[in-house]
Amino acid sequence: MEQQKEKEKLQKGIAEFYDGSSTLWENIWGDHMHHGFYHPDSTVSVTDHRAAQIRMIQESLRFASLSEERTKWPKSIVDVGCGIGGSSRYLAKKFGANSVGITLSPVQAQRANDLAAAQGLADKVSFQVADALEQPFPDEQFDLVWSMESGEHMPDKTKFVGELARVAAPGGTIIIVTWCHRDLGPDEQSLQPWEQDLLKKICDAYYLPAWCSAADYLKLLKSQSLQDIKSADWSPFVAPFWPAVIRSALTWNGLTSLLCSGKLNVHLKIIFLRR
């Protein structure tokens, strides 16, 4: 009972956080509520950051080795933690697929549906309020299961990974882009105290439960008997994004957004997949 209360409290906080901040984020950054991807040693201009967010999607698909053959494109997609639907709309247009997105935020779901209608995608893309740990879909429903920076909000990583695997169709692909702490060394039982203190500050700012490592995710994925599992640390490729966020905060709207969103930090980006 106590665990359920904690889960409901966390979900309420997440929903209210995104209800309050999504409009401000959209005004500054557009459709995509996630990091950008930057090539090493590239010169980054202010106008490049929205393009870098699209590049994050493209690089994620490339890392997952999704086929370029039209006959092998996914026909059904779920976007778990969809934000205002930027990834869903991009993927639906790219693959001509039907896509459904889920979020805890009613404001995000409504805005995502409004944008889909405005872009002529209402017949291909839809959004609803739902719990990623108890997805309202039958087993083996989707060819592509997409989670772009939502795993960090999940209080039960085992259940989260289990649900992603459950709704994936046989031969389908699961792509997870999420924040992780570093892998522990062979003689370590936990992170250093200063690392734990830093993570607590991030958790308090962004309504996050306990973090896990990439190695922890890999163990969970392997326990689901998934195939072709691989991962990568993309921290160097996303590092320029937060300085850009800080610069964008130096406007009235940006300052308001910063106050609503809490502290700004650079985080690890890890990708996993199942084909």
C-alpha atoms as a PDB file:
ATOM      1  CA  MET A   1       0.000   0.000   0.000  1.00  0.00           C
ATOM      2  CA  GLU A   2       2.800   2.426   0.911  1.00  0.00           C
ATOM      3  CA  GLN A   3       4.613   1.618  -2.329  1.00  0.00           C
ATOM      4  CA  GLN A   4       1.442   2.339  -4.319  1.00  0.00           C
ATOM      5  CA  LYS A   5       1.044   5.680  -2.562  1.00  0.00           C
ATOM      6  CA  GLU A   6       4.627   6.615  -3.413  1.00  0.00           C
ATOM      7  CA  LYS A   7       4.056   5.659  -7.045  1.00  0.00           C
ATOM      8  CA  GLU A   8       0.885   7.769  -7.234  1.00  0.00           C
ATOM      9  CA  LYS A   9       2.657  10.719  -5.615  1.00  0.00           C
ATOM     10  CA  LEU A  10       5.506  10.461  -8.134  1.00  0.00           C
ATOM     11  CA  GLN A  11       3.133  10.193 -11.090  1.00  0.00           C
ATOM     12  CA  LYS A  12       1.150  13.205  -9.884  1.00  0.00           C
ATOM     13  CA  GLY A  13       4.360  15.209  -9.584  1.00  0.00           C
ATOM     14  CA  ILE A  14       5.512  14.191 -13.081  1.00  0.00           C
ATOM     15  CA  ALA A  15       2.140  15.063 -14.608  1.00  0.00           C
ATOM     16  CA  GLU A  16       2.028  18.474 -12.927  1.00  0.00           C
ATOM     17  CA  PHE A  17       5.665  19.184 -13.833  1.00  0.00           C
ATOM     18  CA  TYR A  18       4.990  18.628 -17.537  1.00  0.00           C
ATOM     19  CA  ASP A  19       1.546  20.232 -17.426  1.00  0.00           C
ATOM     20  CA  GLY A  20       3.249  23.387 -16.208  1.00  0.00           C
ATOM     21  CA  SER A  21       6.433  23.405 -18.288  1.00  0.00           C
ATOM     22  CA  SER A  22       5.577  21.899 -21.685  1.00  0.00           C
ATOM     23  CA  THR A  23       4.135  25.063 -23.235  1.00  0.00           C
ATOM     24  CA  LEU A  24       7.161  27.102 -22.219  1.00  0.00           C
ATOM     25  CA  TRP A  25       9.526  24.452 -23.566  1.00  0.00           C
ATOM     26  CA  GLU A  26       7.617  24.307 -26.860  1.00  0.00           C
ATOM     27  CA  ASN A  27       7.786  28.090 -27.239  1.00  0.00           C
ATOM     28  CA  ILE A  28      11.581  27.984 -27.068  1.00  0.00           C
ATOM     29  CA  TRP A  29      12.525  24.548 -28.432  1.00  0.00           C
ATOM     30  CA  GLY A  30       9.598  23.363 -30.533  1.00  0.00           C
ATOM     31  CA  ASP A  31       8.098  19.875 -30.797  1.00  0.00           C
ATOM     32  CA  HIS A  32      10.911  17.799 -29.327  1.00  0.00           C
ATOM     33  CA  MET A  33      11.376  17.592 -25.560  1.00  0.00           C
ATOM     34  CA  HIS A  34      14.709  15.778 -25.542  1.00  0.00           C
ATOM     35  CA  HIS A  35      18.441  16.292 -26.059  1.00  0.00           C
ATOM     36  CA  GLY A  36      20.032  17.014 -29.405  1.00  0.00           C
ATOM     37  CA  PHE A  37      22.770  14.928 -31.014  1.00  0.00           C
ATOM     38  CA  TYR A  38      25.979  16.726 -32.030  1.00  0.00           C
ATOM     39  CA  HIS A  39      28.825  15.354 -34.088  1.00  0.00           C
ATOM     40  CA  PRO A  40      32.258  15.515 -32.409  1.00  0.00           C
ATOM     41  CA  ASP A  41      34.263  18.707 -32.966  1.00  0.00           C
ATOM     42  CA  SER A  42      31.381  20.312 -34.858  1.00  0.00           C
ATOM     43  CA  THR A  43      30.807  24.045 -34.609  1.00  0.00           C
ATOM     44  CA  VAL A  44      27.423  24.480 -32.960  1.00  0.00           C
ATOM     45  CA  SER A  45      25.346  27.543 -33.753  1.00  0.00           C
ATOM     46  CA  VAL A  46      22.216  28.657 -31.955  1.00  0.00           C
ATOM     47  CA  THR A  47      20.061  27.679 -34.930  1.00  0.00           C
ATOM     48  CA  ASP A  48      21.455  24.136 -34.977  1.00  0.00           C
ATOM     49  CA  HIS A  49      19.882  22.908 -31.759  1.00  0.00           C
ATOM     50  CA  ARG A  50      16.423  22.084 -33.102  1.00  0.00           C
ATOM     51  CA  ALA A  51      18.085  20.289 -36.009  1.00  0.00           C
ATOM     52  CA  ALA A  52      20.183  18.404 -33.445  1.00  0.00           C
ATOM     53  CA  GLN A  53      16.984  17.148 -31.781  1.00  0.00           C
ATOM     54  CA  ILE A  54      15.862  15.702 -35.111  1.00  0.00           C
ATOM     55  CA  ARG A  55      19.327  14.261 -35.536  1.00  0.00           C
ATOM     56  CA  MET A  56      18.915  12.496 -32.180  1.00  0.00           C
ATOM     57  CA  ILE A  57      15.908  10.628 -33.617  1.00  0.00           C
ATOM     58  CA  GLN A  58      17.751   9.828 -36.833  1.00  0.00           C
ATOM     59  CA  GLU A  59      20.868   8.589 -35.037  1.00  0.00           C
ATOM     60  CA  SER A  60      18.737   6.440 -32.729  1.00  0.00           C
ATOM     61  CA  LEU A  61      17.117   4.756 -35.725  1.00  0.00           C
ATOM     62  CA  ARG A  62      20.517   4.298 -37.345  1.00  0.00           C
ATOM     63  CA  PHE A  63      21.959   2.775 -34.183  1.00  0.00           C
ATOM     64  CA  ALA A  64      19.064   0.329 -34.107  1.00  0.00           C
ATOM     65  CA  SER A  65      19.798  -0.617 -37.728  1.00  0.00           C
ATOM     66  CA  LEU A  66      16.208  -0.172 -38.858  1.00  0.00           C
ATOM     67  CA  SER A  67      16.009  -1.305 -42.447  1.00  0.00           C
ATOM     68  CA  GLU A  68      15.838   1.243 -45.231  1.00  0.00           C
ATOM     69  CA  GLU A  69      13.708  -1.186 -47.219  1.00  0.00           C
ATOM     70  CA  ARG A  70      10.145   0.087 -47.325  1.00  0.00           C
ATOM     71  CA  THR A  71       8.704  -3.411 -46.969  1.00  0.00           C
ATOM     72  CA  LYS A  72      10.513  -3.783 -43.629  1.00  0.00           C
ATOM     73  CA  TRP A  73       9.465  -0.440 -42.151  1.00  0.00           C
ATOM     74  CA  PRO A  74       7.412  -0.572 -38.925  1.00  0.00           C
ATOM     75  CA  LYS A  75       3.679  -0.297 -39.495  1.00  0.00           C
ATOM     76  CA  SER A  76       2.705   0.293 -35.867  1.00  0.00           C
ATOM     77  CA  ILE A  77       4.583   2.382 -33.291  1.00  0.00           C
ATOM     78  CA  VAL A  78       4.125   3.220 -29.608  1.00  0.00           C
ATOM     79  CA  ASP A  79       5.860   6.277 -28.150  1.00  0.00           C
ATOM     80  CA  VAL A  80       6.218   5.660 -24.409  1.00  0.00           C
ATOM     81  CA  GLY A  81       6.517   9.015 -22.667  1.00  0.00           C
ATOM     82  CA  CYS A  82       5.597  10.956 -25.781  1.00  0.00           C
ATOM     83  CA  GLY A  83       5.789  14.553 -24.573  1.00  0.00           C
ATOM     84  CA  ILE A  84       3.885  16.702 -27.072  1.00  0.00           C
ATOM     85  CA  GLY A  85       4.327  14.038 -29.732  1.00  0.00           C
ATOM     86  CA  GLY A  86       7.328  15.230 -31.717  1.00  0.00           C
ATOM     87  CA  SER A  87       8.861  11.780 -32.123  1.00  0.00           C
ATOM     88  CA  SER A  88       5.516  10.162 -32.907  1.00  0.00           C
ATOM     89  CA  ARG A  89       4.741  12.581 -35.700  1.00  0.00           C
ATOM     90  CA  TYR A  90       8.247  12.354 -37.139  1.00  0.00           C
ATOM     91  CA  LEU A  91       8.220   8.544 -37.127  1.00  0.00           C
ATOM     92  CA  ALA A  92       4.680   8.323 -38.525  1.00  0.00           C
ATOM     93  CA  LYS A  93       5.634  10.570 -41.435  1.00  0.00           C
ATOM     94  CA  LYS A  94       8.949   8.828 -42.055  1.00  0.00           C
ATOM     95  CA  PHE A  95       7.543   5.300 -42.106  1.00  0.00           C
ATOM     96  CA  GLY A  96       3.915   5.932 -43.061  1.00  0.00           C
ATOM     97  CA  ALA A  97       3.054   4.095 -39.838  1.00  0.00           C
ATOM     98  CA  ASN A  98       0.258   4.333 -37.315  1.00  0.00           C
ATOM     99  CA  SER A  99       1.567   5.655 -34.016  1.00  0.00           C
ATOM    100  CA  VAL A 100       0.119   6.044 -30.536  1.00  0.00           C
ATOM    101  CA  GLY A 101       1.777   8.017 -27.755  1.00  0.00           C
ATOM    102  CA  ILE A 102       1.239   7.824 -24.010  1.00  0.00           C
ATOM    103  CA  THR A 103       2.064  10.372 -21.316  1.00  0.00           C
ATOM    104  CA  LEU A 104       1.044  11.084 -17.722  1.00  0.00           C
ATOM    105  CA  SER A 105       0.340  14.719 -18.610  1.00  0.00           C
ATOM    106  CA  PRO A 106      -3.187  15.601 -19.842  1.00  0.00           C
ATOM    107  CA  VAL A 107      -1.833  18.918 -21.133  1.00  0.00           C
ATOM    108  CA  GLN A 108       0.782  17.132 -23.234  1.00  0.00           C
ATOM    109  CA  ALA A 109      -1.706  14.599 -24.612  1.00  0.00           C
ATOM    110  CA  GLN A 110      -4.140  17.324 -25.655  1.00  0.00           C
ATOM    111  CA  ARG A 111      -1.428  19.463 -27.234  1.00  0.00           C
ATOM    112  CA  ALA A 112       0.012  16.450 -29.061  1.00  0.00           C
ATOM    113  CA  ASN A 113      -3.402  15.583 -30.520  1.00  0.00           C
ATOM    114  CA  ASP A 114      -3.966  19.221 -31.529  1.00  0.00           C
ATOM    115  CA  LEU A 115      -0.608  19.330 -33.328  1.00  0.00           C
ATOM    116  CA  ALA A 116      -1.313  16.035 -35.079  1.00  0.00           C
ATOM    117  CA  ALA A 117      -4.624  17.399 -36.343  1.00  0.00           C
ATOM    118  CA  ALA A 118      -3.027  20.676 -37.451  1.00  0.00           C
ATOM    119  CA  GLN A 119      -0.406  18.743 -39.423  1.00  0.00           C
ATOM    120  CA  GLY A 120      -2.947  16.474 -41.095  1.00  0.00           C
ATOM    121  CA  LEU A 121      -1.877  13.410 -39.118  1.00  0.00           C
ATOM    122  CA  ALA A 122      -4.945  12.791 -36.970  1.00  0.00           C
ATOM    123  CA  ASP A 123      -5.722   9.609 -38.912  1.00  0.00           C
ATOM    124  CA  LYS A 124      -2.214   8.225 -38.284  1.00  0.00           C
ATOM    125  CA  VAL A 125      -1.218   9.475 -34.832  1.00  0.00           C
ATOM    126  CA  SER A 126      -3.066   9.681 -31.510  1.00  0.00           C
ATOM    127  CA  PHE A 127      -2.140  10.405 -27.903  1.00  0.00           C
ATOM    128  CA  GLN A 128      -3.608   9.466 -24.548  1.00  0.00           C
ATOM    129  CA  VAL A 129      -2.944   9.657 -20.825  1.00  0.00           C
ATOM    130  CA  ALA A 130      -1.638   6.286 -19.635  1.00  0.00           C
ATOM    131  CA  ASP A 131       0.861   4.667 -17.271  1.00  0.00           C
ATOM    132  CA  ALA A 132       3.958   3.272 -18.998  1.00  0.00           C
ATOM    133  CA  LEU A 133       4.127   0.575 -16.314  1.00  0.00           C
ATOM    134  CA  GLU A 134       0.603  -0.605 -17.128  1.00  0.00           C
ATOM    135  CA  GLN A 135       0.179   0.136 -20.814  1.00  0.00           C
ATOM    136  CA  PRO A 136      -3.382  -0.143 -22.155  1.00  0.00           C
ATOM    137  CA  PHE A 137      -2.373  -2.281 -25.140  1.00  0.00           C
ATOM    138  CA  PRO A 138      -2.549  -5.984 -25.954  1.00  0.00           C
ATOM    139  CA  ASP A 139       0.543  -8.162 -26.124  1.00  0.00           C
ATOM    140  CA  GLU A 140       2.730  -8.027 -29.248  1.00  0.00           C
ATOM    141  CA  GLN A 141       1.002  -4.927 -30.622  1.00  0.00           C
ATOM    142  CA  PHE A 142       3.816  -2.765 -32.029  1.00  0.00           C
ATOM    143  CA  ASP A 143       6.609  -3.183 -34.576  1.00  0.00           C
ATOM    144  CA  LEU A 144       8.553  -0.301 -33.017  1.00  0.00           C
ATOM    145  CA  VAL A 145       8.527   0.480 -29.286  1.00  0.00           C
ATOM    146  CA  TRP A 146      10.067   3.911 -28.742  1.00  0.00           C
ATOM    147  CA  SER A 147      11.075   5.472 -25.415  1.00  0.00           C
ATOM    148  CA  MET A 148      12.925   8.769 -25.762  1.00  0.00           C
ATOM    149  CA  GLU A 149      14.050  10.069 -22.362  1.00  0.00           C
ATOM    150  CA  SER A 150      11.188   8.661 -20.310  1.00  0.00           C
ATOM    151  CA  GLY A 151      12.806   5.654 -18.612  1.00  0.00           C
ATOM    152  CA  GLU A 152      14.387   7.894 -15.986  1.00  0.00           C
ATOM    153  CA  HIS A 153      10.891   8.665 -14.643  1.00  0.00           C
ATOM    154  CA  MET A 154      10.013   4.996 -14.071  1.00  0.00           C
ATOM    155  CA  PRO A 155      10.060   3.904 -10.404  1.00  0.00           C
ATOM    156  CA  ASP A 156      10.117   0.204 -11.340  1.00  0.00           C
ATOM    157  CA  LYS A 157      12.676  -0.401 -14.089  1.00  0.00           C
ATOM    158  CA  THR A 158      11.943  -4.138 -14.165  1.00  0.00           C
ATOM    159  CA  LYS A 159       8.267  -3.514 -14.850  1.00  0.00           C
ATOM    160  CA  PHE A 160       9.111  -0.785 -17.347  1.00  0.00           C
ATOM    161  CA  VAL A 161      11.339  -3.054 -19.428  1.00  0.00           C
ATOM    162  CA  GLY A 162       8.808  -5.871 -19.080  1.00  0.00           C
ATOM    163  CA  GLU A 163       6.030  -3.701 -20.494  1.00  0.00           C
ATOM    164  CA  LEU A 164       8.165  -2.561 -23.419  1.00  0.00           C
ATOM    165  CA  ALA A 165       8.925  -6.191 -24.232  1.00  0.00           C
ATOM    166  CA  ARG A 166       5.300  -7.255 -23.766  1.00  0.00           C
ATOM    167  CA  VAL A 167       3.848  -4.824 -26.304  1.00  0.00           C
ATOM    168  CA  ALA A 168       6.609  -5.418 -28.893  1.00  0.00           C
ATOM    169  CA  ALA A 169       5.596  -7.625 -31.802  1.00  0.00           C
ATOM    170  CA  PRO A 170       7.727 -10.689 -32.648  1.00  0.00           C
ATOM    171  CA  GLY A 171      10.737  -9.423 -34.585  1.00  0.00           C
ATOM    172  CA  GLY A 172       9.951  -5.858 -33.529  1.00  0.00           C
ATOM    173  CA  THR A 173      12.404  -3.239 -32.312  1.00  0.00           C
ATOM    174  CA  ILE A 174      12.662  -1.583 -28.907  1.00  0.00           C
ATOM    175  CA  ILE A 175      14.670   1.644 -28.654  1.00  0.00           C
ATOM    176  CA  ILE A 176      15.310   3.185 -25.250  1.00  0.00           C
ATOM    177  CA  VAL A 177      17.147   6.486 -24.870  1.00  0.00           C
ATOM    178  CA  THR A 178      17.441   7.292 -21.195  1.00  0.00           C
ATOM    179  CA  TRP A 179      19.485   8.869 -18.415  1.00  0.00           C
ATOM    180  CA  CYS A 180      21.712   6.498 -16.409  1.00  0.00           C
ATOM    181  CA  HIS A 181      24.382   6.787 -13.782  1.00  0.00           C
ATOM    182  CA  ARG A 182      27.787   5.261 -14.454  1.00  0.00           C
ATOM    183  CA  ASP A 183      28.383   1.535 -14.220  1.00  0.00           C
ATOM    184  CA  LEU A 184      29.793   0.462 -10.862  1.00  0.00           C
ATOM    185  CA  GLY A 185      33.270  -1.007 -10.652  1.00  0.00           C
ATOM    186  CA  PRO A 186      33.771  -4.660  -9.656  1.00  0.00           C
ATOM    187  CA  ASP A 187      34.609  -3.668  -6.060  1.00  0.00           C
ATOM    188  CA  GLU A 188      31.864  -1.056  -5.683  1.00  0.00           C
ATOM    189  CA  GLN A 189      28.531  -1.648  -3.985  1.00  0.00           C
ATOM    190  CA  SER A 190      27.171   1.833  -4.664  1.00  0.00           C
ATOM    191  CA  LEU A 191      28.021   5.241  -6.085  1.00  0.00           C
ATOM    192  CA  GLN A 192      30.267   7.603  -4.157  1.00  0.00           C
ATOM    193  CA  PRO A 193      28.477   9.827  -1.595  1.00  0.00           C
ATOM    194  CA  TRP A 194      29.103  12.977  -3.652  1.00  0.00           C
ATOM    195  CA  GLU A 195      27.600  11.256  -6.706  1.00  0.00           C
ATOM    196  CA  GLN A 196      24.550  10.218  -4.732  1.00  0.00           C
ATOM    197  CA  ASP A 197      24.125  13.795  -3.487  1.00  0.00           C
ATOM    198  CA  LEU A 198      24.280  15.147  -7.046  1.00  0.00           C
ATOM    199  CA  LEU A 199      21.758  12.594  -8.311  1.00  0.00           C
ATOM    200  CA  LYS A 200      19.392  13.456  -5.464  1.00  0.00           C
ATOM    201  CA  LYS A 201      19.413  17.102  -6.554  1.00  0.00           C
ATOM    202  CA  ILE A 202      18.595  16.058 -10.126  1.00  0.00           C
ATOM    203  CA  CYS A 203      15.854  13.712  -8.894  1.00  0.00           C
ATOM    204  CA  ASP A 204      14.286  16.431  -6.756  1.00  0.00           C
ATOM    205  CA  ALA A 205      14.313  18.881  -9.673  1.00  0.00           C
ATOM    206  CA  TYR A 206      12.851  16.537 -12.297  1.00  0.00           C
ATOM    207  CA  TYR A 207      10.607  14.172 -10.296  1.00  0.00           C
ATOM    208  CA  LEU A 208      12.836  11.161 -10.839  1.00  0.00           C
ATOM    209  CA  PRO A 209      12.981   7.981  -8.758  1.00  0.00           C
ATOM    210  CA  ALA A 210      16.206   6.082  -8.082  1.00  0.00           C
ATOM    211  CA  TRP A 211      18.596   5.886 -11.028  1.00  0.00           C
ATOM    212  CA  CYS A 212      20.173   2.762 -12.445  1.00  0.00           C
ATOM    213  CA  SER A 213      23.178   2.081 -14.681  1.00  0.00           C
ATOM    214  CA  ALA A 214      23.410   0.897 -18.266  1.00  0.00           C
ATOM    215  CA  ALA A 215      24.633  -2.447 -16.930  1.00  0.00           C
ATOM    216  CA  ASP A 216      21.440  -2.721 -14.868  1.00  0.00           C
ATOM    217  CA  TYR A 217      19.341  -2.108 -17.976  1.00  0.00           C
ATOM    218  CA  LEU A 218      21.269  -4.723 -19.917  1.00  0.00           C
ATOM    219  CA  LYS A 219      20.569  -7.321 -17.227  1.00  0.00           C
ATOM    220  CA  LEU A 220      16.862  -6.497 -17.333  1.00  0.00           C
ATOM    221  CA  LEU A 221      16.748  -6.704 -21.117  1.00  0.00           C
ATOM    222  CA  LYS A 222      18.546 -10.044 -21.135  1.00  0.00           C
ATOM    223  CA  SER A 223      16.094 -11.379 -18.561  1.00  0.00           C
ATOM    224  CA  GLN A 224      13.314 -10.782 -21.106  1.00  0.00           C
ATOM    225  CA  SER A 225      15.016 -13.115 -23.616  1.00  0.00           C
ATOM    226  CA  LEU A 226      15.424 -10.253 -26.068  1.00  0.00           C
ATOM    227  CA  GLN A 227      17.832 -10.567 -28.968  1.00  0.00           C
ATOM    228  CA  ASP A 228      20.494  -8.367 -30.594  1.00  0.00           C
ATOM    229  CA  ILE A 229      20.854  -6.178 -27.523  1.00  0.00           C
ATOM    230  CA  LYS A 230      23.431  -3.406 -27.644  1.00  0.00           C
ATOM    231  CA  SER A 231      24.088  -0.152 -25.867  1.00  0.00           C
ATOM    232  CA  ALA A 232      26.208   2.984 -26.171  1.00  0.00           C
ATOM    233  CA  ASP A 233      27.071   5.990 -24.037  1.00  0.00           C
ATOM    234  CA  TRP A 234      26.172   9.108 -26.023  1.00  0.00           C
ATOM    235  CA  SER A 235      27.177  11.642 -23.359  1.00  0.00           C
ATOM    236  CA  PRO A 236      29.838  13.296 -25.591  1.00  0.00           C
ATOM    237  CA  PHE A 237      27.290  13.674 -28.391  1.00  0.00           C
ATOM    238  CA  VAL A 238      24.707  15.488 -26.249  1.00  0.00           C
ATOM    239  CA  ALA A 239      27.025  17.668 -24.135  1.00  0.00           C
ATOM    240  CA  PRO A 240      26.461  20.892 -26.190  1.00  0.00           C
ATOM    241  CA  PHE A 241      22.723  20.765 -25.555  1.00  0.00           C
ATOM    242  CA  TRP A 242      22.626  22.051 -21.967  1.00  0.00           C
ATOM    243  CA  PRO A 243      24.746  25.153 -22.601  1.00  0.00           C
ATOM    244  CA  ALA A 244      22.210  25.945 -25.329  1.00  0.00           C
ATOM    245  CA  VAL A 245      19.356  25.468 -22.868  1.00  0.00           C
ATOM    246  CA  ILE A 246      21.068  27.815 -20.432  1.00  0.00           C
ATOM    247  CA  ARG A 247      21.533  30.434 -23.171  1.00  0.00           C
ATOM    248  CA  SER A 248      17.881  30.110 -24.129  1.00  0.00           C
ATOM    249  CA  ALA A 249      17.000  30.818 -20.503  1.00  0.00           C
ATOM    250  CA  LEU A 250      18.424  34.331 -20.900  1.00  0.00           C
ATOM    251  CA  THR A 251      15.068  35.551 -22.177  1.00  0.00           C
ATOM    252  CA  TRP A 252      11.930  36.336 -20.216  1.00  0.00           C
ATOM    253  CA  ASN A 253      10.169  33.161 -21.384  1.00  0.00           C
ATOM    254  CA  GLY A 254      13.342  31.193 -20.847  1.00  0.00           C
ATOM    255  CA  LEU A 255      13.812  32.459 -17.317  1.00  0.00           C
ATOM    256  CA  THR A 256      10.225  31.517 -16.522  1.00  0.00           C
ATOM    257  CA  SER A 257      10.805  28.067 -17.970  1.00  0.00           C
ATOM    258  CA  LEU A 258      14.008  27.679 -15.969  1.00  0.00           C
ATOM    259  CA  LEU A 259      12.205  28.556 -12.755  1.00  0.00           C
ATOM    260  CA  CYS A 260       9.520  25.984 -13.519  1.00  0.00           C
ATOM    261  CA  SER A 261      11.924  23.268 -14.554  1.00  0.00           C
ATOM    262  CA  GLY A 262      14.538  23.364 -11.779  1.00  0.00           C
ATOM    263  CA  LYS A 263      18.278  22.882 -12.121  1.00  0.00           C
ATOM    264  CA  LEU A 264      20.018  22.174 -15.401  1.00  0.00           C
ATOM    265  CA  ASN A 265      22.491  19.322 -15.677  1.00  0.00           C
ATOM    266  CA  VAL A 266      24.235  17.237 -18.317  1.00  0.00           C
ATOM    267  CA  HIS A 267      23.168  13.591 -18.262  1.00  0.00           C
ATOM    268  CA  LEU A 268      24.231  10.302 -19.772  1.00  0.00           C
ATOM    269  CA  LYS A 269      22.405   9.031 -22.831  1.00  0.00           C
ATOM    270  CA  ILE A 270      22.302   5.288 -23.380  1.00  0.00           C
ATOM    271  CA  ILE A 271      20.525   3.446 -26.187  1.00  0.00           C
ATOM    272  CA  PHE A 272      19.327  -0.155 -26.152  1.00  0.00           C
ATOM    273  CA  LEU A 273      17.459  -2.100 -28.759  1.00  0.00           C
ATOM    274  CA  ARG A 274      15.761  -5.370 -29.560  1.00  0.00           C
ATOM    275  CA  ARG A 275      15.079  -6.627 -33.054  1.00  0.00           C
END
